[in-house]
């Protein structure tokens, strides 16, 4: 089952800025977003709930160094 991702204008702006600095990660980000639509808890994403001020949010990895929140 494919899920619909709700991407905010702020996320789009931040993603655009990020990809301008890291154009080599564009394909990886697209792949990660596709995996999120299919199964957000697939093992390769390492999806986990955040704590503290971001309690209602989840994060998943794009690469070892970068994550999506």
PDB file of N, CA and C in Angstrom:
ATOM      1  N   UNK A   1       0.840  -1.168   0.000  1.00  0.00           N
ATOM      2  CA  UNK A   1       0.000   0.000   0.000  1.00  0.00           C
ATOM      3  C   UNK A   1       0.897   1.247   0.000  1.00  0.00           C
ATOM      4  N   UNK A   2       0.660   2.125  -0.936  1.00  0.00           N
ATOM      5  CA  UNK A   2       1.432   3.370  -0.998  1.00  0.00           C
ATOM      6  C   UNK A   2       0.734   4.430  -0.164  1.00  0.00           C
ATOM      7  N   UNK A   3       1.518   5.097   0.630  1.00  0.00           N
ATOM      8  CA  UNK A   3       0.993   6.167   1.473  1.00  0.00           C
ATOM      9  C   UNK A   3       1.237   7.507   0.795  1.00  0.00           C
ATOM     10  N   UNK A   4       0.444   8.470   1.173  1.00  0.00           N
ATOM     11  CA  UNK A   4       0.619   9.814   0.642  1.00  0.00           C
ATOM     12  C   UNK A   4       1.475  10.608   1.625  1.00  0.00           C
ATOM     13  N   UNK A   5       2.558  11.170   1.131  1.00  0.00           N
ATOM     14  CA  UNK A   5       3.404  12.007   1.976  1.00  0.00           C
ATOM     15  C   UNK A   5       2.918  13.446   1.891  1.00  0.00           C
ATOM     16  N   UNK A   6       2.774  14.066   3.019  1.00  0.00           N
ATOM     17  CA  UNK A   6       2.398  15.476   3.067  1.00  0.00           C
ATOM     18  C   UNK A   6       3.673  16.283   3.263  1.00  0.00           C
ATOM     19  N   UNK A   7       4.104  16.945   2.207  1.00  0.00           N
ATOM     20  CA  UNK A   7       5.353  17.697   2.240  1.00  0.00           C
ATOM     21  C   UNK A   7       5.018  19.175   2.362  1.00  0.00           C
ATOM     22  N   UNK A   8       5.474  19.759   3.447  1.00  0.00           N
ATOM     23  CA  UNK A   8       5.176  21.167   3.719  1.00  0.00           C
ATOM     24  C   UNK A   8       6.028  22.082   2.838  1.00  0.00           C
ATOM     25  N   UNK A   9       5.575  23.305   2.617  1.00  0.00           N
ATOM     26  CA  UNK A   9       6.380  24.271   1.864  1.00  0.00           C
ATOM     27  C   UNK A   9       7.741  24.517   2.520  1.00  0.00           C
ATOM     28  N   UNK A  10       7.775  24.501   3.841  1.00  0.00           N
ATOM     29  CA  UNK A  10       9.050  24.694   4.537  1.00  0.00           C
ATOM     30  C   UNK A  10      10.008  23.541   4.239  1.00  0.00           C
ATOM     31  N   UNK A  11       9.486  22.306   4.257  1.00  0.00           N
ATOM     32  CA  UNK A  11      10.316  21.146   3.939  1.00  0.00           C
ATOM     33  C   UNK A  11      10.843  21.251   2.512  1.00  0.00           C
ATOM     34  N   UNK A  12       9.974  21.635   1.575  1.00  0.00           N
ATOM     35  CA  UNK A  12      10.401  21.771   0.184  1.00  0.00           C
ATOM     36  C   UNK A  12      11.537  22.785   0.061  1.00  0.00           C
ATOM     37  N   UNK A  13      11.415  23.904   0.762  1.00  0.00           N
ATOM     38  CA  UNK A  13      12.440  24.942   0.708  1.00  0.00           C
ATOM     39  C   UNK A  13      13.757  24.426   1.300  1.00  0.00           C
ATOM     40  N   UNK A  14      13.670  23.774   2.456  1.00  0.00           N
ATOM     41  CA  UNK A  14      14.874  23.244   3.105  1.00  0.00           C
ATOM     42  C   UNK A  14      15.511  22.132   2.278  1.00  0.00           C
ATOM     43  N   UNK A  15      14.681  21.302   1.660  1.00  0.00           N
ATOM     44  CA  UNK A  15      15.202  20.233   0.815  1.00  0.00           C
ATOM     45  C   UNK A  15      15.919  20.811  -0.391  1.00  0.00           C
ATOM     46  N   UNK A  16      15.348  21.822  -0.991  1.00  0.00           N
ATOM     47  CA  UNK A  16      15.976  22.467  -2.143  1.00  0.00           C
ATOM     48  C   UNK A  16      17.339  23.044  -1.751  1.00  0.00           C
ATOM     49  N   UNK A  17      17.403  23.721  -0.615  1.00  0.00           N
ATOM     50  CA  UNK A  17      18.665  24.279  -0.133  1.00  0.00           C
ATOM     51  C   UNK A  17      19.680  23.172   0.146  1.00  0.00           C
ATOM     52  N   UNK A  18      19.223  22.091   0.748  1.00  0.00           N
ATOM     53  CA  UNK A  18      20.101  20.969   1.057  1.00  0.00           C
ATOM     54  C   UNK A  18      20.672  20.356  -0.217  1.00  0.00           C
ATOM     55  N   UNK A  19      19.796  20.147  -1.216  1.00  0.00           N
ATOM     56  CA  UNK A  19      20.245  19.511  -2.454  1.00  0.00           C
ATOM     57  C   UNK A  19      21.150  20.421  -3.286  1.00  0.00           C
ATOM     58  N   UNK A  20      21.032  21.723  -3.111  1.00  0.00           N
ATOM     59  CA  UNK A  20      21.961  22.631  -3.781  1.00  0.00           C
ATOM     60  C   UNK A  20      23.371  22.459  -3.215  1.00  0.00           C
ATOM     61  N   UNK A  21      23.463  22.182  -1.933  1.00  0.00           N
ATOM     62  CA  UNK A  21      24.754  21.962  -1.293  1.00  0.00           C
ATOM     63  C   UNK A  21      25.266  20.535  -1.487  1.00  0.00           C
ATOM     64  N   UNK A  22      24.323  19.589  -1.660  1.00  0.00           N
ATOM     65  CA  UNK A  22      24.676  18.171  -1.774  1.00  0.00           C
ATOM     66  C   UNK A  22      23.967  17.535  -2.978  1.00  0.00           C
ATOM     67  N   UNK A  23      24.289  17.959  -4.190  1.00  0.00           N
ATOM     68  CA  UNK A  23      23.583  17.418  -5.360  1.00  0.00           C
ATOM     69  C   UNK A  23      23.787  15.917  -5.546  1.00  0.00           C
ATOM     70  N   UNK A  24      24.850  15.376  -5.008  1.00  0.00           N
ATOM     71  CA  UNK A  24      25.120  13.948  -5.132  1.00  0.00           C
ATOM     72  C   UNK A  24      24.127  13.093  -4.336  1.00  0.00           C
ATOM     73  N   UNK A  25      23.383  13.701  -3.428  1.00  0.00           N
ATOM     74  CA  UNK A  25      22.428  12.956  -2.605  1.00  0.00           C
ATOM     75  C   UNK A  25      20.995  13.024  -3.126  1.00  0.00           C
ATOM     76  N   UNK A  26      20.786  13.678  -4.252  1.00  0.00           N
ATOM     77  CA  UNK A  26      19.419  13.834  -4.765  1.00  0.00           C
ATOM     78  C   UNK A  26      18.745  12.486  -5.012  1.00  0.00           C
ATOM     79  N   UNK A  27      19.441  11.571  -5.651  1.00  0.00           N
ATOM     80  CA  UNK A  27      18.849  10.253  -5.928  1.00  0.00           C
ATOM     81  C   UNK A  27      18.559   9.498  -4.642  1.00  0.00           C
ATOM     82  N   UNK A  28      19.448   9.621  -3.679  1.00  0.00           N
ATOM     83  CA  UNK A  28      19.271   8.920  -2.408  1.00  0.00           C
ATOM     84  C   UNK A  28      18.047   9.468  -1.665  1.00  0.00           C
ATOM     85  N   UNK A  29      17.857  10.779  -1.686  1.00  0.00           N
ATOM     86  CA  UNK A  29      16.693  11.389  -1.035  1.00  0.00           C
ATOM     87  C   UNK A  29      15.412  10.926  -1.736  1.00  0.00           C
ATOM     88  N   UNK A  30      15.408  10.924  -3.055  1.00  0.00           N
ATOM     89  CA  UNK A  30      14.232  10.468  -3.805  1.00  0.00           C
ATOM     90  C   UNK A  30      13.914   9.009  -3.466  1.00  0.00           C
ATOM     91  N   UNK A  31      14.934   8.179  -3.389  1.00  0.00           N
ATOM     92  CA  UNK A  31      14.749   6.767  -3.059  1.00  0.00           C
ATOM     93  C   UNK A  31      14.174   6.619  -1.649  1.00  0.00           C
ATOM     94  N   UNK A  32      14.687   7.403  -0.709  1.00  0.00           N
ATOM     95  CA  UNK A  32      14.207   7.364   0.668  1.00  0.00           C
ATOM     96  C   UNK A  32      12.733   7.771   0.732  1.00  0.00           C
ATOM     97  N   UNK A  33      12.354   8.809   0.001  1.00  0.00           N
ATOM     98  CA  UNK A  33      10.954   9.250  -0.015  1.00  0.00           C
ATOM     99  C   UNK A  33      10.048   8.177  -0.618  1.00  0.00           C
ATOM    100  N   UNK A  34      10.544   7.467  -1.635  1.00  0.00           N
ATOM    101  CA  UNK A  34       9.762   6.377  -2.221  1.00  0.00           C
ATOM    102  C   UNK A  34       9.569   5.243  -1.214  1.00  0.00           C
ATOM    103  N   UNK A  35      10.632   4.918  -0.478  1.00  0.00           N
ATOM    104  CA  UNK A  35      10.514   3.878   0.547  1.00  0.00           C
ATOM    105  C   UNK A  35       9.522   4.290   1.631  1.00  0.00           C
ATOM    106  N   UNK A  36       9.543   5.566   2.001  1.00  0.00           N
ATOM    107  CA  UNK A  36       8.602   6.060   3.003  1.00  0.00           C
ATOM    108  C   UNK A  36       7.164   5.901   2.550  1.00  0.00           C
ATOM    109  N   UNK A  37       6.911   6.117   1.268  1.00  0.00           N
ATOM    110  CA  UNK A  37       5.560   5.953   0.740  1.00  0.00           C
ATOM    111  C   UNK A  37       5.126   4.498   0.794  1.00  0.00           C
ATOM    112  N   UNK A  38       6.035   3.603   0.533  1.00  0.00           N
ATOM    113  CA  UNK A  38       5.701   2.184   0.521  1.00  0.00           C
ATOM    114  C   UNK A  38       5.570   1.606   1.917  1.00  0.00           C
ATOM    115  N   UNK A  39       6.624   1.664   2.700  1.00  0.00           N
ATOM    116  CA  UNK A  39       6.629   1.133   4.061  1.00  0.00           C
ATOM    117  C   UNK A  39       7.558   1.985   4.906  1.00  0.00           C
ATOM    118  N   UNK A  40       7.012   2.904   5.691  1.00  0.00           N
ATOM    119  CA  UNK A  40       7.856   3.829   6.454  1.00  0.00           C
ATOM    120  C   UNK A  40       8.724   3.143   7.509  1.00  0.00           C
ATOM    121  N   UNK A  41       8.417   1.889   7.842  1.00  0.00           N
ATOM    122  CA  UNK A  41       9.204   1.205   8.866  1.00  0.00           C
ATOM    123  C   UNK A  41      10.084   0.099   8.284  1.00  0.00           C
ATOM    124  N   UNK A  42      10.378   0.198   6.989  1.00  0.00           N
ATOM    125  CA  UNK A  42      11.289  -0.772   6.401  1.00  0.00           C
ATOM    126  C   UNK A  42      12.643  -0.658   7.094  1.00  0.00           C
ATOM    127  N   UNK A  43      13.278  -1.765   7.254  1.00  0.00           N
ATOM    128  CA  UNK A  43      14.507  -1.824   8.045  1.00  0.00           C
ATOM    129  C   UNK A  43      15.608  -0.890   7.544  1.00  0.00           C
ATOM    130  N   UNK A  44      15.729  -0.724   6.245  1.00  0.00           N
ATOM    131  CA  UNK A  44      16.813   0.093   5.690  1.00  0.00           C
ATOM    132  C   UNK A  44      16.672   1.575   6.026  1.00  0.00           C
ATOM    133  N   UNK A  45      15.468   2.017   6.400  1.00  0.00           N
ATOM    134  CA  UNK A  45      15.274   3.425   6.755  1.00  0.00           C
ATOM    135  C   UNK A  45      15.635   3.720   8.207  1.00  0.00           C
ATOM    136  N   UNK A  46      15.657   2.705   9.044  1.00  0.00           N
ATOM    137  CA  UNK A  46      15.942   2.884  10.469  1.00  0.00           C
ATOM    138  C   UNK A  46      15.024   3.950  11.073  1.00  0.00           C
ATOM    139  N   UNK A  47      13.735   3.858  10.780  1.00  0.00           N
ATOM    140  CA  UNK A  47      12.748   4.830  11.264  1.00  0.00           C
ATOM    141  C   UNK A  47      12.571   4.692  12.771  1.00  0.00           C
ATOM    142  N   UNK A  48      12.551   5.832  13.451  1.00  0.00           N
ATOM    143  CA  UNK A  48      12.384   5.818  14.901  1.00  0.00           C
ATOM    144  C   UNK A  48      11.696   7.091  15.376  1.00  0.00           C
ATOM    145  N   UNK A  49      11.002   6.981  16.502  1.00  0.00           N
ATOM    146  CA  UNK A  49      10.305   8.115  17.104  1.00  0.00           C
ATOM    147  C   UNK A  49      11.328   9.000  17.809  1.00  0.00           C
ATOM    148  N   UNK A  50      11.122  10.309  17.697  1.00  0.00           N
ATOM    149  CA  UNK A  50      12.011  11.254  18.350  1.00  0.00           C
ATOM    150  C   UNK A  50      11.507  11.574  19.755  1.00  0.00           C
ATOM    151  N   UNK A  51      12.360  12.157  20.555  1.00  0.00           N
ATOM    152  CA  UNK A  51      12.040  12.485  21.946  1.00  0.00           C
ATOM    153  C   UNK A  51      12.234  13.974  22.181  1.00  0.00           C
ATOM    154  N   UNK A  52      11.800  14.423  23.318  1.00  0.00           N
ATOM    155  CA  UNK A  52      11.972  15.826  23.695  1.00  0.00           C
ATOM    156  C   UNK A  52      10.997  16.723  22.960  1.00  0.00           C
ATOM    157  N   UNK A  53      11.497  17.827  22.418  1.00  0.00           N
ATOM    158  CA  UNK A  53      10.652  18.806  21.732  1.00  0.00           C
ATOM    159  C   UNK A  53      10.013  18.238  20.463  1.00  0.00           C
ATOM    160  N   UNK A  54      10.572  17.175  19.923  1.00  0.00           N
ATOM    161  CA  UNK A  54      10.065  16.579  18.676  1.00  0.00           C
ATOM    162  C   UNK A  54       9.347  15.249  18.923  1.00  0.00           C
ATOM    163  N   UNK A  55       8.706  15.116  20.062  1.00  0.00           N
ATOM    164  CA  UNK A  55       8.073  13.868  20.475  1.00  0.00           C
ATOM    165  C   UNK A  55       7.088  13.322  19.450  1.00  0.00           C
ATOM    166  N   UNK A  56       6.364  14.170  18.766  1.00  0.00           N
ATOM    167  CA  UNK A  56       5.342  13.709  17.818  1.00  0.00           C
ATOM    168  C   UNK A  56       5.894  13.407  16.434  1.00  0.00           C
ATOM    169  N   UNK A  57       7.202  13.413  16.271  1.00  0.00           N
ATOM    170  CA  UNK A  57       7.812  13.228  14.964  1.00  0.00           C
ATOM    171  C   UNK A  57       8.640  11.950  14.919  1.00  0.00           C
ATOM    172  N   UNK A  58       8.877  11.504  13.691  1.00  0.00           N
ATOM    173  CA  UNK A  58       9.744  10.362  13.426  1.00  0.00           C
ATOM    174  C   UNK A  58      10.908  10.836  12.567  1.00  0.00           C
ATOM    175  N   UNK A  59      11.991  10.093  12.600  1.00  0.00           N
ATOM    176  CA  UNK A  59      13.138  10.369  11.738  1.00  0.00           C
ATOM    177  C   UNK A  59      13.519   9.078  11.033  1.00  0.00           C
ATOM    178  N   UNK A  60      14.067   9.211   9.843  1.00  0.00           N
ATOM    179  CA  UNK A  60      14.592   8.055   9.126  1.00  0.00           C
ATOM    180  C   UNK A  60      15.884   8.476   8.446  1.00  0.00           C
ATOM    181  N   UNK A  61      16.726   7.515   8.155  1.00  0.00           N
ATOM    182  CA  UNK A  61      18.018   7.871   7.593  1.00  0.00           C
ATOM    183  C   UNK A  61      17.974   7.938   6.074  1.00  0.00           C
ATOM    184  N   UNK A  62      18.716   8.908   5.559  1.00  0.00           N
ATOM    185  CA  UNK A  62      18.970   9.011   4.125  1.00  0.00           C
ATOM    186  C   UNK A  62      20.331   8.373   3.875  1.00  0.00           C
ATOM    187  N   UNK A  63      21.310   8.795   4.642  1.00  0.00           N
ATOM    188  CA  UNK A  63      22.637   8.179   4.677  1.00  0.00           C
ATOM    189  C   UNK A  63      23.027   8.080   6.144  1.00  0.00           C
ATOM    190  N   UNK A  64      24.192   7.568   6.412  1.00  0.00           N
ATOM    191  CA  UNK A  64      24.649   7.470   7.799  1.00  0.00           C
ATOM    192  C   UNK A  64      24.706   8.847   8.444  1.00  0.00           C
ATOM    193  N   UNK A  65      25.048   9.859   7.661  1.00  0.00           N
ATOM    194  CA  UNK A  65      25.230  11.216   8.179  1.00  0.00           C
ATOM    195  C   UNK A  65      23.952  12.063   8.167  1.00  0.00           C
ATOM    196  N   UNK A  66      23.019  11.798   7.258  1.00  0.00           N
ATOM    197  CA  UNK A  66      21.839  12.650   7.087  1.00  0.00           C
ATOM    198  C   UNK A  66      20.548  11.896   7.349  1.00  0.00           C
ATOM    199  N   UNK A  67      19.601  12.599   7.979  1.00  0.00           N
ATOM    200  CA  UNK A  67      18.296  12.027   8.304  1.00  0.00           C
ATOM    201  C   UNK A  67      17.172  12.944   7.859  1.00  0.00           C
ATOM    202  N   UNK A  68      16.019  12.357   7.632  1.00  0.00           N
ATOM    203  CA  UNK A  68      14.791  13.125   7.367  1.00  0.00           C
ATOM    204  C   UNK A  68      13.957  13.096   8.628  1.00  0.00           C
ATOM    205  N   UNK A  69      13.379  14.232   8.990  1.00  0.00           N
ATOM    206  CA  UNK A  69      12.491  14.301  10.154  1.00  0.00           C
ATOM    207  C   UNK A  69      11.107  14.655   9.658  1.00  0.00           C
TER     208      UNK A  69
END
